[in-house]
């Protein structure tokens, strides 16, 4: 309550102060006419210096609070991709967990979906994200087509709404603003990991057909050929007799000291009693005098490891072109088109997946466990036997596209300024996963496979892993039996020892955005008011989602040959030799395998239907059941905005205030389930189309003031309200019901626990809103230099979160799901009519919903940028930038805000002469949590702090030809994830170093 009162009070103060400064200072203006600020000394700069100087100039001239980065004047951003370039901006962080250099970003610590990405200030259809909260994959664009990137941190009423953390504007300069001439660039990228090379080129030309008419065109190509190596420590299990292969009494004698002898708290603790751990029957008691003497959490060991390599192979083509005409001094007409396609058909994931669970393999720890910061005890080393041993190969083809146009007409005179914009765009994203697994199953008497693993407690130097015998897995072309009702994705041999899986999910999304807007500004002299601006915008936003899941039925397995399985070369240089992995790792030649086993026989009981890869569709799986729907948003937008400028106590004050109206008509057409699935496969007839309609509208006030305290000192303050519509993939309107499955870990000899899951459709998700406050102080102490400090605060209402907490999603009655009445006992949701004392059915639910509590994000941003051209001799060629962001959040415990690093910084130092230039960039961010997707259970992951050093150097051979060398991740950093304590390591990513040699010529 206090927080909301404070927010309302601050908003009123800012709005009131803005209008007071604008209107109440009329007397001061009448007494003292406004004077233009003196222009600073002009210093001509080029190259890197020009890039940073342009950003400073834009920041100073804009009324809104902005930061940005521009091209260095040679048609380049010296970074691997758009996301890498943007992270040089204060408050922007790249998400390196986004695989395949998708280059998604966080703005002011918040996930990418909280920022609005625009192109030349207009909403457009980027490739839709296939995952919640990641935002547009900026790796789908070649940065060479852009002139600048601007982060608008305080969008006003005339800006596109939806940028809760800010608007990311990707700018393509118009034809008349470009110097005449051409550019050719050729580059070769070398990725040290795997020794992979990738060429690239860019060709652009700008032509003035007359003084009033110009055209331009740019086309950029880049080969993608790089690799990431990863160790995934997928889970840690608390030891039980079933996991260790010990009898109840043996287990109690060996590990009883780490389990509680008395009852544990109902929640909020890792505590577990020894009797529960061993599955004691009624009347049995395994406690001794030493039970619980060392702890009450039990003792843990790693239960699953994945060695993982991903190779991204494909091409990126990006192009832009435009024409601009100025028929007279008052009128300008322009058209810009763009196209980008990132096609990675041969991207492949390779896994060695070995795991143990209760009843499938045994764990025998060695050494002494250590107690971690959350109270649990953890073993570093263990031996494993008779476990499911799997080699998995996944052809993971990716394709991202975006294309569109922006047309504008501008007319102005001394009294009026009118602009009209029409825009159309289409974005598409697809992911085709074909999963091929070979697995050796546990069997009575042992399957002959053993392994020994040392986690290193998060230190890669201490990691080691071995598996015997070689080969771990085998392939056959005879003797396979389809799993049918038990497992439609797989085949087993008659003895159950060998398993072949053919599966994989295919995901598609398309978005189309068409819009038209008219803006009219009237310049006036009404006291402090200098102009009144208003506009109307109509937008149609269509989204289509569809997907499939492969199943194994009908594959021509007789065509399999033994040589389709091989040992890949990356086994010998995994993580450049920095990880002592198991080299007993074979993979499948996915393209040959798929070609051999298709075309498949059609599975007619499901109604038929094949996936894109040509396999039968598993209708029951969520890849189909959750993702087949369409949404459409028809938006009506209007705004009015007042600019003012006045003198207040001898200080020039300027700014604007206004409000924006947005109304949305939302329609969802979904292919929903209306009955229990037919068999284990399901059928298309289990679904029917349904339509849902939603309407909402908002008034979004905003205000900003800029006080020119001195010619070189500026204070800015801003308030704006905005809202963010649910991501189209967050809607997931389909409700899906799972069949009950026995929970072997919770079941005891006297009671069977069954779990059923319900994925609740969220058709009625509402947009979430935010009140944002900004205050900044900027000192332009020298030409092309700035020292600034900014504070921001955002209060988010109705944030959309995903959860699996049954306390929130379990209703009083589950009849619609087929489970009858439900009861909640404080921990579990139970189907009372289908449960007995000895057989209990518990219902788990997952989905997305709007939080009913506020989330607050606030922080500080410091930035200093200086060119040292005032120094003598050698020193005048230096320049640099340092920016630092401190961000913190406060949110309900049930839904911690993911992705926020408390501290993030960039340090940039460059030395540039007319002949050559050198730049060093160090990027750093502290640890941050990932999305836990529900109540805190200890399974949530965090990313460890990380820094990275990049270097670039360029040399001008002539006035028209330059060569450059860029080096990324010189410090050879890795990326670590952990669970609560860094010793519970969960993930280690390694990309290695990358080098790019480039030649550029202008003509």
Foldseek 3Di string as FASTA:
>chain_A
DVVVVVLVVVVCCQVVVQVCVFPVFLVVCVVPPDDDFDDFDDDDDAFPLVQLLVQVVVCVPDQFHKGKTFHRRQLDDQDPFPLRSVLQTFQKAWDPVPPPQLNFIGGNLFFSQLEQEEEQQHHFDFAADPDPRRHGSRRLAHLSQFGMWMWRQFDAQVGDFRNQRTYIYTYGDFLLVDDFFKKKKKWWKFFPQVRDIKIKMKIKGKDDPDNFKIKIKMKIKIWAWFKWKKKFLADKDFDACLQAVHALLVCCVPFQLAADQDDDDPDDALFDHSCLRHQPDPPDHNDDPNGPVQYHNGEMERFKMKTKMKIFGWMKMKMKMKMKGDPDPFKIKMKMKMKIKTWGQQIKMKIWMWGDDRPFKHKAADDAWDAFPRGYTYGQKIKIFLHKTKIKMKRKIKMKIKIKMKIKMWGDDPWKIKMKIKMKMKIKIKIWIKMKMKIFTRDVVTSQKMKMWGNCLQDQQRTAIAMDDAQRGFADLDQWDQPFQNAQQWTAHPRRGIIIGIKTKMKMKMKMKIKMKMKMKGADPDSFWGIKMKMKMKMKMKMWIAMFMFGDAFWNSNQDDRVQKDQDPSLVQRLHPSHNYYSSHIHGNVVVRLVRRPPGDFPPVQVTDADPSNGTTQCQDCSGQQIGKMKMKIKIKMKMKTWGWRADPNKIKIWMWIKMKMKIKMKMKGFEAQDDADGNRGHSVRTDIDMDIDIDMDIKIKIKMWICPHSFKIKMKMKIKRWHAGRPSQQSQYKHKFDWDWDVSSAHPQAIEIEIEIEHGRNPADIKMKIKIKIKMWGRPHSSKIKMKMKMKIKIFFDKAKAFQCVPVPDQADVSNVLGGWDDDPHFIWSVVPDDPRYTYTYIYIGMGTDHDIKMKMKMKIKTWDQQLVDDDQRNQKIWMKMKMAMDMDDDQFWDRWRGFRIWMKIKMKGDDPFKMKIKIKIWTAKTWHGPRGHDDQSTKIKHIDMFMKMKMKGDPDPFKMKMKIKTRPVQDWIWMAGPGSSRTGMIMGRGMMMMIMMMGID
